N, C-alpha and C. Protein backbone atom coordinates (compact mmCIF):
# COMPACT_ATOMS: atom_id res chain seq x y z
N MET A 1 0.85 -1.18 0.01
CA MET A 1 0.02 -0.03 0.01
C MET A 1 0.88 1.25 0.02
N ASP A 2 1.59 1.49 -1.13
CA ASP A 2 2.42 2.59 -1.27
C ASP A 2 1.67 3.95 -1.36
N ASN A 3 0.52 3.94 -1.96
CA ASN A 3 -0.26 5.04 -2.17
C ASN A 3 -1.61 5.02 -1.49
N PRO A 4 -1.66 5.43 -0.31
CA PRO A 4 -2.86 5.33 0.44
C PRO A 4 -4.01 6.11 -0.18
N SER A 5 -5.26 5.71 -0.06
CA SER A 5 -6.40 6.42 -0.60
C SER A 5 -6.66 7.54 0.40
N ALA A 6 -7.54 8.49 -0.09
CA ALA A 6 -7.97 9.62 0.73
C ALA A 6 -8.59 9.12 1.98
N PHE A 7 -9.38 8.02 1.85
CA PHE A 7 -10.13 7.60 3.01
C PHE A 7 -9.18 7.02 4.09
N ASP A 8 -8.04 6.48 3.74
CA ASP A 8 -6.99 6.02 4.65
C ASP A 8 -6.35 7.01 5.37
N THR A 9 -6.09 8.19 4.67
CA THR A 9 -5.31 9.33 5.32
C THR A 9 -6.37 10.33 6.05
N CYS A 10 -7.54 10.43 5.50
CA CYS A 10 -8.54 11.40 5.99
C CYS A 10 -9.88 10.59 6.21
N PRO A 11 -9.97 9.77 7.20
CA PRO A 11 -11.24 9.04 7.44
C PRO A 11 -12.23 10.13 8.06
N THR A 12 -13.49 9.69 8.12
CA THR A 12 -14.55 10.57 8.66
C THR A 12 -14.48 10.67 10.20
N ILE A 13 -13.73 9.79 10.83
CA ILE A 13 -13.52 9.85 12.31
C ILE A 13 -12.49 10.92 12.66
N ALA A 14 -11.64 11.32 11.84
CA ALA A 14 -10.56 12.27 12.15
C ALA A 14 -11.02 13.61 12.87
N PRO A 15 -12.13 14.12 12.33
CA PRO A 15 -12.55 15.37 13.02
C PRO A 15 -13.14 15.10 14.50
N PHE A 16 -13.66 13.93 14.69
CA PHE A 16 -14.03 13.58 15.95
C PHE A 16 -12.84 13.56 16.99
N LEU A 17 -11.71 13.08 16.53
CA LEU A 17 -10.61 13.13 17.34
C LEU A 17 -10.16 14.53 17.74
N GLY A 18 -10.22 15.36 16.72
CA GLY A 18 -9.81 16.79 16.92
C GLY A 18 -10.78 17.45 17.97
N TYR A 19 -12.17 17.26 17.72
CA TYR A 19 -13.07 17.83 18.71
C TYR A 19 -12.92 17.14 20.06
N ALA A 20 -12.58 15.96 20.04
CA ALA A 20 -12.38 15.30 21.43
C ALA A 20 -11.21 15.93 22.17
N GLY A 21 -10.17 16.29 21.40
CA GLY A 21 -9.06 17.09 22.01
C GLY A 21 -9.45 18.42 22.53
N VAL A 22 -10.31 19.12 21.84
CA VAL A 22 -10.88 20.37 22.25
C VAL A 22 -11.65 20.23 23.60
N ALA A 23 -12.53 19.16 23.59
CA ALA A 23 -13.38 19.02 24.80
C ALA A 23 -12.49 18.53 25.99
N LEU A 24 -11.65 17.61 25.84
CA LEU A 24 -10.90 17.05 26.88
C LEU A 24 -9.82 18.10 27.44
N SER A 25 -9.38 18.99 26.62
CA SER A 25 -8.59 20.05 27.08
C SER A 25 -9.29 20.94 28.10
N ILE A 26 -10.49 21.38 27.69
CA ILE A 26 -11.13 22.35 28.52
C ILE A 26 -11.83 21.63 29.79
N ILE A 27 -12.26 20.42 29.54
CA ILE A 27 -12.97 19.72 30.65
C ILE A 27 -11.90 19.34 31.81
N LEU A 28 -10.81 18.74 31.31
CA LEU A 28 -9.85 18.29 32.31
C LEU A 28 -9.16 19.50 33.09
N ALA A 29 -8.83 20.49 32.21
CA ALA A 29 -8.10 21.65 32.86
C ALA A 29 -9.01 22.34 33.93
N ASN A 30 -10.32 22.54 33.56
CA ASN A 30 -11.30 23.13 34.38
C ASN A 30 -11.64 22.28 35.55
N THR A 31 -11.61 20.94 35.42
CA THR A 31 -11.75 20.05 36.56
C THR A 31 -10.68 20.27 37.54
N GLY A 32 -9.48 20.32 37.05
CA GLY A 32 -8.34 20.63 37.92
C GLY A 32 -8.43 21.90 38.64
N ALA A 33 -8.88 22.93 37.86
CA ALA A 33 -9.03 24.29 38.50
C ALA A 33 -10.07 24.31 39.53
N ALA A 34 -11.19 23.59 39.32
CA ALA A 34 -12.26 23.42 40.30
C ALA A 34 -11.80 22.72 41.53
N MET A 35 -11.06 21.58 41.30
CA MET A 35 -10.53 20.83 42.53
C MET A 35 -9.62 21.71 43.29
N GLY A 36 -8.76 22.40 42.66
CA GLY A 36 -7.73 23.27 43.43
C GLY A 36 -8.46 24.41 44.11
N THR A 37 -9.40 24.99 43.50
CA THR A 37 -10.19 26.09 44.08
C THR A 37 -11.00 25.66 45.22
N ALA A 38 -11.63 24.47 45.09
CA ALA A 38 -12.46 23.94 46.27
C ALA A 38 -11.58 23.59 47.52
N ARG A 39 -10.43 22.95 47.19
CA ARG A 39 -9.69 22.48 48.27
C ARG A 39 -9.00 23.67 48.98
N ALA A 40 -8.48 24.62 48.22
CA ALA A 40 -7.88 25.77 48.88
C ALA A 40 -8.86 26.71 49.49
N GLY A 41 -10.04 26.76 48.78
CA GLY A 41 -11.16 27.52 49.38
C GLY A 41 -11.55 27.09 50.76
N VAL A 42 -11.63 25.69 50.99
CA VAL A 42 -11.97 25.20 52.25
C VAL A 42 -11.00 25.65 53.27
N GLY A 43 -9.73 25.54 52.91
CA GLY A 43 -8.59 25.92 53.84
C GLY A 43 -8.71 27.43 54.18
N ILE A 44 -9.11 28.26 53.20
CA ILE A 44 -9.14 29.68 53.48
C ILE A 44 -10.33 29.98 54.47
N MET A 45 -11.47 29.29 54.29
CA MET A 45 -12.58 29.50 55.16
C MET A 45 -12.26 29.03 56.62
N GLN A 46 -11.58 27.89 56.67
CA GLN A 46 -11.18 27.45 58.05
C GLN A 46 -10.23 28.28 58.70
N SER A 47 -9.21 28.78 58.01
CA SER A 47 -8.23 29.69 58.70
C SER A 47 -8.83 31.01 58.78
N GLY A 48 -9.79 31.47 58.00
CA GLY A 48 -10.41 32.81 58.27
C GLY A 48 -11.19 32.92 59.48
N ILE A 49 -11.54 31.82 60.08
CA ILE A 49 -12.27 31.79 61.34
C ILE A 49 -11.29 32.27 62.44
N LYS A 50 -10.07 31.68 62.38
CA LYS A 50 -9.09 31.95 63.45
C LYS A 50 -8.37 33.28 63.19
N SER A 51 -8.05 33.67 61.98
CA SER A 51 -7.30 34.80 61.58
C SER A 51 -7.82 35.42 60.38
N PRO A 52 -8.96 36.32 60.46
CA PRO A 52 -9.54 36.84 59.28
C PRO A 52 -8.68 37.85 58.49
N ASP A 53 -7.64 38.35 59.15
CA ASP A 53 -6.77 39.32 58.37
C ASP A 53 -5.85 38.58 57.39
N LEU A 54 -5.80 37.21 57.34
CA LEU A 54 -4.91 36.57 56.42
C LEU A 54 -5.75 36.02 55.20
N VAL A 55 -7.02 36.29 55.17
CA VAL A 55 -7.78 35.77 54.07
C VAL A 55 -7.44 36.30 52.71
N TRP A 56 -7.25 37.61 52.64
CA TRP A 56 -6.86 38.28 51.32
C TRP A 56 -5.46 37.70 50.90
N ARG A 57 -4.50 37.59 51.76
CA ARG A 57 -3.13 37.05 51.47
C ARG A 57 -3.22 35.63 51.04
N ASN A 58 -4.05 34.87 51.50
CA ASN A 58 -4.14 33.47 51.22
C ASN A 58 -4.89 33.15 49.92
N LEU A 59 -5.33 34.12 49.13
CA LEU A 59 -5.93 33.87 47.90
C LEU A 59 -5.11 33.37 46.75
N ILE A 60 -3.90 33.33 46.94
CA ILE A 60 -2.98 32.99 45.93
C ILE A 60 -3.20 31.63 45.30
N PRO A 61 -3.56 30.60 46.11
CA PRO A 61 -3.83 29.25 45.47
C PRO A 61 -5.17 29.28 44.69
N ILE A 62 -6.03 30.11 44.98
CA ILE A 62 -7.35 30.29 44.27
C ILE A 62 -7.04 30.86 42.84
N VAL A 63 -6.17 31.84 42.83
CA VAL A 63 -5.85 32.50 41.54
C VAL A 63 -5.03 31.50 40.77
N MET A 64 -4.04 30.76 41.33
CA MET A 64 -3.22 29.93 40.58
C MET A 64 -4.00 28.73 40.01
N ALA A 65 -5.01 28.23 40.78
CA ALA A 65 -5.85 27.19 40.26
C ALA A 65 -6.69 27.63 39.11
N GLY A 66 -7.18 28.87 39.22
CA GLY A 66 -7.99 29.42 38.13
C GLY A 66 -7.34 29.58 36.79
N VAL A 67 -5.98 29.82 36.87
CA VAL A 67 -5.24 29.98 35.64
C VAL A 67 -5.21 28.70 34.85
N ASN A 68 -5.39 27.49 35.48
CA ASN A 68 -5.35 26.26 34.77
C ASN A 68 -6.55 26.19 33.83
N GLY A 69 -7.70 26.72 34.23
CA GLY A 69 -8.83 26.67 33.39
C GLY A 69 -8.63 27.66 32.17
N ILE A 70 -7.89 28.70 32.36
CA ILE A 70 -7.60 29.50 31.18
C ILE A 70 -6.67 28.80 30.21
N TYR A 71 -5.73 28.13 30.71
CA TYR A 71 -4.78 27.28 29.88
C TYR A 71 -5.51 26.36 28.93
N GLY A 72 -6.54 25.64 29.57
CA GLY A 72 -7.39 24.76 28.86
C GLY A 72 -8.19 25.49 27.80
N LEU A 73 -8.75 26.60 28.09
CA LEU A 73 -9.45 27.38 27.16
C LEU A 73 -8.55 27.89 25.98
N ILE A 74 -7.33 28.32 26.20
CA ILE A 74 -6.44 28.74 25.17
C ILE A 74 -6.10 27.52 24.20
N THR A 75 -5.80 26.33 24.78
CA THR A 75 -5.62 25.23 23.91
C THR A 75 -6.83 24.84 23.07
N SER A 76 -8.00 24.85 23.72
CA SER A 76 -9.21 24.55 22.97
C SER A 76 -9.49 25.49 21.86
N ILE A 77 -9.26 26.81 22.01
CA ILE A 77 -9.41 27.73 20.93
C ILE A 77 -8.41 27.54 19.81
N VAL A 78 -7.15 27.27 20.11
CA VAL A 78 -6.09 27.10 19.13
C VAL A 78 -6.44 25.81 18.34
N VAL A 79 -6.77 24.71 19.03
CA VAL A 79 -7.07 23.45 18.35
C VAL A 79 -8.34 23.68 17.46
N LEU A 80 -9.28 24.25 18.00
CA LEU A 80 -10.56 24.48 17.27
C LEU A 80 -10.44 25.30 15.98
N GLY A 81 -9.53 26.24 16.06
CA GLY A 81 -9.17 26.97 14.81
C GLY A 81 -8.50 26.24 13.77
N SER A 82 -7.95 25.11 14.14
CA SER A 82 -7.14 24.25 13.22
C SER A 82 -7.91 23.21 12.49
N ILE A 83 -9.15 22.95 13.05
CA ILE A 83 -9.93 21.78 12.55
C ILE A 83 -10.58 22.29 11.20
N ALA A 84 -10.23 21.53 10.15
CA ALA A 84 -10.65 21.93 8.77
C ALA A 84 -12.12 21.38 8.56
N MET A 85 -12.87 22.29 7.88
CA MET A 85 -14.16 21.98 7.49
C MET A 85 -14.10 21.11 6.18
N PRO A 86 -15.13 20.28 5.91
CA PRO A 86 -15.13 19.58 4.67
C PRO A 86 -15.12 20.51 3.47
N SER A 87 -14.61 20.09 2.38
CA SER A 87 -14.59 20.90 1.08
C SER A 87 -15.93 20.94 0.55
N MET A 88 -16.10 21.75 -0.44
CA MET A 88 -17.45 21.96 -1.03
C MET A 88 -18.00 20.71 -1.58
N GLY A 89 -17.15 19.79 -1.99
CA GLY A 89 -17.65 18.48 -2.55
C GLY A 89 -18.04 17.48 -1.48
N GLY A 90 -17.85 17.88 -0.15
CA GLY A 90 -18.19 16.99 0.96
C GLY A 90 -17.05 16.18 1.31
N ASN A 91 -15.82 16.25 0.69
CA ASN A 91 -14.69 15.49 1.04
C ASN A 91 -14.09 15.96 2.32
N ASN A 92 -13.66 15.06 3.18
CA ASN A 92 -13.03 15.39 4.41
C ASN A 92 -11.55 15.77 4.09
N ARG A 93 -11.09 16.95 4.55
CA ARG A 93 -9.77 17.40 4.27
C ARG A 93 -8.91 17.20 5.60
N TYR A 94 -9.46 16.89 6.72
CA TYR A 94 -8.87 16.78 8.01
C TYR A 94 -8.30 15.41 8.14
N SER A 95 -6.92 15.29 8.26
CA SER A 95 -6.28 13.96 8.25
C SER A 95 -6.36 13.30 9.64
N LEU A 96 -6.17 11.99 9.62
CA LEU A 96 -6.08 11.23 10.85
C LEU A 96 -4.81 11.70 11.62
N TYR A 97 -3.76 11.98 10.97
CA TYR A 97 -2.64 12.45 11.65
C TYR A 97 -2.80 13.72 12.43
N THR A 98 -3.56 14.76 11.77
CA THR A 98 -3.88 15.94 12.48
C THR A 98 -4.87 15.71 13.67
N GLY A 99 -5.82 14.88 13.45
CA GLY A 99 -6.70 14.52 14.52
C GLY A 99 -6.15 13.90 15.69
N CYS A 100 -5.15 13.01 15.51
CA CYS A 100 -4.39 12.39 16.58
C CYS A 100 -3.52 13.43 17.29
N ALA A 101 -2.93 14.37 16.51
CA ALA A 101 -2.01 15.38 17.10
C ALA A 101 -2.94 16.34 17.94
N HIS A 102 -4.08 16.78 17.48
CA HIS A 102 -5.04 17.56 18.26
C HIS A 102 -5.58 16.81 19.53
N LEU A 103 -5.82 15.62 19.32
CA LEU A 103 -6.30 14.76 20.54
C LEU A 103 -5.14 14.79 21.63
N ALA A 104 -3.93 14.63 21.11
CA ALA A 104 -2.84 14.60 22.00
C ALA A 104 -2.57 16.02 22.73
N ALA A 105 -2.73 16.95 21.86
CA ALA A 105 -2.62 18.39 22.47
C ALA A 105 -3.75 18.62 23.54
N GLY A 106 -4.94 18.15 23.38
CA GLY A 106 -5.94 18.28 24.33
C GLY A 106 -5.73 17.48 25.56
N LEU A 107 -5.25 16.33 25.38
CA LEU A 107 -4.92 15.49 26.55
C LEU A 107 -3.78 16.05 27.30
N CYS A 108 -2.79 16.58 26.64
CA CYS A 108 -1.53 17.09 27.24
C CYS A 108 -1.88 18.23 28.13
N CYS A 109 -2.65 19.13 27.57
CA CYS A 109 -2.95 20.39 28.36
C CYS A 109 -3.98 19.98 29.50
N GLY A 110 -5.01 19.15 29.22
CA GLY A 110 -5.98 18.89 30.17
C GLY A 110 -5.49 18.10 31.32
N LEU A 111 -4.66 17.04 31.01
CA LEU A 111 -4.14 16.17 32.10
C LEU A 111 -3.14 16.98 33.02
N SER A 112 -2.37 17.81 32.40
CA SER A 112 -1.43 18.58 33.21
C SER A 112 -2.14 19.59 33.97
N GLY A 113 -3.16 20.16 33.45
CA GLY A 113 -3.99 21.05 34.27
C GLY A 113 -4.69 20.48 35.37
N LEU A 114 -5.12 19.20 35.20
CA LEU A 114 -5.79 18.32 36.28
C LEU A 114 -4.74 18.12 37.39
N GLY A 115 -3.64 17.65 37.02
CA GLY A 115 -2.58 17.37 37.99
C GLY A 115 -2.07 18.62 38.83
N SER A 116 -1.94 19.70 37.97
CA SER A 116 -1.49 20.98 38.64
C SER A 116 -2.55 21.43 39.59
N GLY A 117 -3.86 21.37 39.23
CA GLY A 117 -4.92 21.84 40.07
C GLY A 117 -5.02 21.07 41.33
N ALA A 118 -4.85 19.69 41.25
CA ALA A 118 -4.82 18.90 42.46
C ALA A 118 -3.67 19.25 43.43
N CYS A 119 -2.52 19.50 42.78
CA CYS A 119 -1.32 19.88 43.58
C CYS A 119 -1.41 21.16 44.27
N ILE A 120 -1.96 22.21 43.41
CA ILE A 120 -2.25 23.46 43.96
C ILE A 120 -3.25 23.46 45.11
N GLY A 121 -4.19 22.72 45.02
CA GLY A 121 -5.20 22.64 46.04
C GLY A 121 -4.79 22.02 47.28
N ILE A 122 -4.12 20.90 47.22
CA ILE A 122 -3.59 20.21 48.37
C ILE A 122 -2.52 20.95 49.13
N ALA A 123 -1.52 21.47 48.36
CA ALA A 123 -0.44 22.26 48.90
C ALA A 123 -0.93 23.56 49.42
N GLY A 124 -1.83 24.15 48.74
CA GLY A 124 -2.39 25.41 49.18
C GLY A 124 -3.21 25.34 50.44
N ASP A 125 -3.96 24.24 50.54
CA ASP A 125 -4.76 24.04 51.75
C ASP A 125 -3.88 23.90 52.91
N ALA A 126 -2.80 22.94 52.82
CA ALA A 126 -1.97 22.84 53.86
C ALA A 126 -1.19 24.07 54.24
N ALA A 127 -0.77 24.84 53.30
CA ALA A 127 0.05 26.03 53.65
C ALA A 127 -0.82 27.10 54.25
N ILE A 128 -2.09 27.17 53.77
CA ILE A 128 -3.01 28.11 54.34
C ILE A 128 -3.23 27.77 55.84
N MET A 129 -3.51 26.52 56.12
CA MET A 129 -3.77 26.03 57.44
C MET A 129 -2.51 26.34 58.32
N ALA A 130 -1.35 26.10 57.86
CA ALA A 130 -0.11 26.28 58.58
C ALA A 130 0.10 27.78 58.88
N CYS A 131 -0.06 28.62 57.89
CA CYS A 131 0.12 30.05 58.04
C CYS A 131 -0.93 30.59 59.08
N GLY A 132 -2.16 30.17 59.04
CA GLY A 132 -3.27 30.49 59.95
C GLY A 132 -2.93 30.06 61.32
N SER A 133 -2.43 28.78 61.43
CA SER A 133 -2.16 28.32 62.83
C SER A 133 -0.93 29.00 63.42
N TYR A 134 0.02 29.34 62.61
CA TYR A 134 1.23 30.03 63.15
C TYR A 134 0.76 31.47 63.51
N ASP A 135 -0.08 32.03 62.75
CA ASP A 135 -0.51 33.33 63.12
C ASP A 135 -1.25 33.38 64.49
N VAL A 136 -2.05 32.36 64.69
CA VAL A 136 -2.86 32.37 66.04
C VAL A 136 -1.85 32.13 67.13
N GLU A 137 -0.84 31.23 66.91
CA GLU A 137 0.13 30.95 68.02
C GLU A 137 0.95 32.15 68.20
N SER A 138 1.33 32.96 67.16
CA SER A 138 2.16 34.14 67.38
C SER A 138 1.36 35.21 68.07
N LYS A 139 0.10 35.27 67.94
CA LYS A 139 -0.70 36.24 68.60
C LYS A 139 -0.85 35.97 70.07
N ARG A 140 -0.83 34.64 70.40
CA ARG A 140 -0.90 34.30 71.80
C ARG A 140 0.37 34.53 72.49
N SER A 141 1.50 34.52 71.85
CA SER A 141 2.79 34.57 72.39
C SER A 141 3.37 36.00 72.30
N ILE A 142 2.51 37.03 72.09
CA ILE A 142 3.09 38.43 71.99
C ILE A 142 3.72 38.69 73.36
N GLY A 143 4.90 39.25 73.25
CA GLY A 143 5.55 39.68 74.45
C GLY A 143 6.37 38.55 75.10
N ARG A 144 6.05 37.28 74.72
CA ARG A 144 6.89 36.21 75.31
C ARG A 144 8.27 36.16 74.62
N ARG A 145 9.18 35.64 75.29
CA ARG A 145 10.47 35.45 74.81
C ARG A 145 10.93 33.97 74.76
N ARG A 146 11.82 33.65 73.86
CA ARG A 146 12.40 32.29 73.91
C ARG A 146 13.15 32.05 75.13
N GLY A 147 13.71 30.91 75.38
CA GLY A 147 14.41 30.55 76.51
C GLY A 147 15.72 31.35 76.62
N ASP A 148 16.33 31.75 75.39
CA ASP A 148 17.63 32.51 75.36
C ASP A 148 17.41 34.04 75.50
N GLY A 149 16.23 34.49 75.68
CA GLY A 149 15.93 35.86 75.92
C GLY A 149 15.66 36.66 74.66
N LYS A 150 15.68 36.00 73.48
CA LYS A 150 15.36 36.69 72.19
C LYS A 150 13.92 36.57 71.89
N LYS A 151 13.39 37.57 71.12
CA LYS A 151 12.02 37.49 70.73
C LYS A 151 11.97 36.46 69.61
N LYS A 152 10.66 35.94 69.55
CA LYS A 152 10.44 34.90 68.44
C LYS A 152 10.39 35.61 67.06
N SER A 153 10.97 34.83 66.09
CA SER A 153 11.12 35.39 64.75
C SER A 153 9.75 35.26 64.02
N GLY A 154 9.52 36.03 62.93
CA GLY A 154 8.31 36.01 62.16
C GLY A 154 8.25 34.82 61.18
N GLY A 155 7.96 33.62 61.74
CA GLY A 155 7.91 32.43 60.91
C GLY A 155 6.72 32.39 59.99
N GLY A 156 5.72 33.16 60.16
CA GLY A 156 4.52 33.25 59.29
C GLY A 156 4.96 33.70 57.97
N GLU A 157 5.86 34.71 57.94
CA GLU A 157 6.28 35.24 56.63
C GLU A 157 7.14 34.25 55.85
N LYS A 158 7.87 33.54 56.57
CA LYS A 158 8.66 32.34 55.88
C LYS A 158 7.67 31.39 55.33
N LEU A 159 6.70 31.00 56.07
CA LEU A 159 5.75 30.02 55.52
C LEU A 159 4.98 30.60 54.39
N PHE A 160 4.66 31.95 54.42
CA PHE A 160 4.07 32.48 53.25
C PHE A 160 4.87 32.46 51.97
N VAL A 161 6.14 32.77 52.12
CA VAL A 161 7.04 32.70 50.94
C VAL A 161 7.15 31.34 50.41
N ALA A 162 7.31 30.43 51.33
CA ALA A 162 7.27 28.94 50.87
C ALA A 162 6.02 28.54 50.18
N MET A 163 4.88 28.96 50.65
CA MET A 163 3.61 28.69 49.99
C MET A 163 3.55 29.29 48.58
N VAL A 164 4.05 30.57 48.45
CA VAL A 164 4.13 31.15 47.11
C VAL A 164 5.02 30.38 46.12
N LEU A 165 6.13 29.94 46.64
CA LEU A 165 7.00 29.20 45.82
C LEU A 165 6.35 27.88 45.38
N VAL A 166 5.76 27.15 46.32
CA VAL A 166 5.15 25.89 45.92
C VAL A 166 4.03 26.03 44.99
N GLN A 167 3.26 27.13 45.11
CA GLN A 167 2.11 27.39 44.16
C GLN A 167 2.73 27.78 42.76
N VAL A 168 3.75 28.45 42.75
CA VAL A 168 4.36 28.77 41.42
C VAL A 168 4.86 27.52 40.65
N PHE A 169 5.66 26.68 41.40
CA PHE A 169 6.13 25.48 40.83
C PHE A 169 4.97 24.58 40.46
N ALA A 170 3.91 24.44 41.21
CA ALA A 170 2.80 23.63 40.84
C ALA A 170 2.03 24.15 39.63
N GLY A 171 1.98 25.58 39.60
CA GLY A 171 1.36 26.12 38.35
C GLY A 171 2.24 25.91 37.11
N ASN A 172 3.43 25.74 37.28
CA ASN A 172 4.38 25.57 36.10
C ASN A 172 4.06 24.28 35.39
N ILE A 173 3.58 23.29 36.16
CA ILE A 173 3.19 21.96 35.52
C ILE A 173 2.15 22.15 34.49
N ALA A 174 1.14 22.99 34.67
CA ALA A 174 0.10 23.29 33.76
C ALA A 174 0.67 24.13 32.52
N LEU A 175 1.60 25.05 32.92
CA LEU A 175 2.26 25.87 31.92
C LEU A 175 3.05 25.02 30.87
N TYR A 176 3.72 23.97 31.43
CA TYR A 176 4.46 22.99 30.49
C TYR A 176 3.54 22.30 29.56
N GLY A 177 2.33 21.87 30.19
CA GLY A 177 1.38 21.27 29.33
C GLY A 177 0.81 22.14 28.27
N LEU A 178 0.61 23.44 28.63
CA LEU A 178 0.10 24.41 27.67
C LEU A 178 1.14 24.52 26.49
N ILE A 179 2.35 24.70 26.84
CA ILE A 179 3.44 24.86 25.78
C ILE A 179 3.50 23.66 24.92
N ALA A 180 3.41 22.41 25.53
CA ALA A 180 3.55 21.23 24.63
C ALA A 180 2.24 21.08 23.79
N SER A 181 1.16 21.48 24.31
CA SER A 181 -0.09 21.33 23.55
C SER A 181 -0.13 22.35 22.39
N ILE A 182 0.41 23.56 22.58
CA ILE A 182 0.46 24.52 21.42
C ILE A 182 1.40 23.99 20.40
N ILE A 183 2.46 23.31 20.74
CA ILE A 183 3.36 22.84 19.76
C ILE A 183 2.72 21.59 18.98
N LEU A 184 2.07 20.76 19.76
CA LEU A 184 1.32 19.59 19.08
C LEU A 184 0.25 20.09 18.27
N SER A 185 -0.48 21.11 18.58
CA SER A 185 -1.59 21.57 17.78
C SER A 185 -1.24 22.15 16.40
N GLN A 186 0.15 22.51 16.28
CA GLN A 186 0.61 22.97 15.06
C GLN A 186 1.00 21.87 14.04
N GLN A 187 0.91 20.59 14.42
CA GLN A 187 1.18 19.41 13.62
C GLN A 187 -0.01 19.21 12.70
N ILE A 188 0.01 19.78 11.44
CA ILE A 188 -1.21 19.77 10.65
C ILE A 188 -0.83 19.27 9.26
N PHE A 189 -1.66 18.35 8.76
CA PHE A 189 -1.55 17.77 7.45
C PHE A 189 -2.99 17.77 6.89
N TYR A 190 -3.32 18.44 5.85
CA TYR A 190 -4.62 18.49 5.13
C TYR A 190 -4.55 17.54 3.94
N CYS A 191 -5.61 16.90 3.73
CA CYS A 191 -5.75 16.07 2.48
C CYS A 191 -6.16 16.98 1.35
N GLY A 192 -5.72 16.59 0.17
CA GLY A 192 -6.09 17.31 -1.02
C GLY A 192 -5.24 18.48 -1.27
N GLY A 193 -4.12 18.71 -0.62
CA GLY A 193 -3.17 19.75 -0.90
C GLY A 193 -3.61 21.11 -0.61
N GLU A 194 -4.76 21.22 0.20
CA GLU A 194 -5.23 22.56 0.47
C GLU A 194 -4.78 22.96 1.91
């Protein structure tokens, strides 16, 4: 089979694979964003009871989780713009190669967004609770000194910096998926030389 027919290279199922990539990208990335937002939101509400002044500062995981949904939307729009409509004669110009590349792009962005959202939510919840607990303990010990006569250091700020770093690195997982999906979405072969 040296010269494949148009049906072999451009079957009617090929656009389905491209649209599946579009759907999976946005569904999985937004599921990750929702998971991260829900998990971190619970932590913010719980820590807000003990220390309401930290609520605004602890919104970083919510914002980072929401970015994952935007990455899924970007990939979906890019892939959707590359799906070729049938020609005037009703022939499919969208190849199986392109459909598989677009499906891979959607899965790449969607699954990395799902993993990133879960990581952001779990790490954000733990960090928010730790910062809130430390803030409550430091308010109780105002004026107290350590055994060596020195005042206690501001460990809450160190925890906050660590939380921001963890959130940035967890968000990078989704960014890597977005970059790979954009590269994959550009792998296009149309049948009929158009």
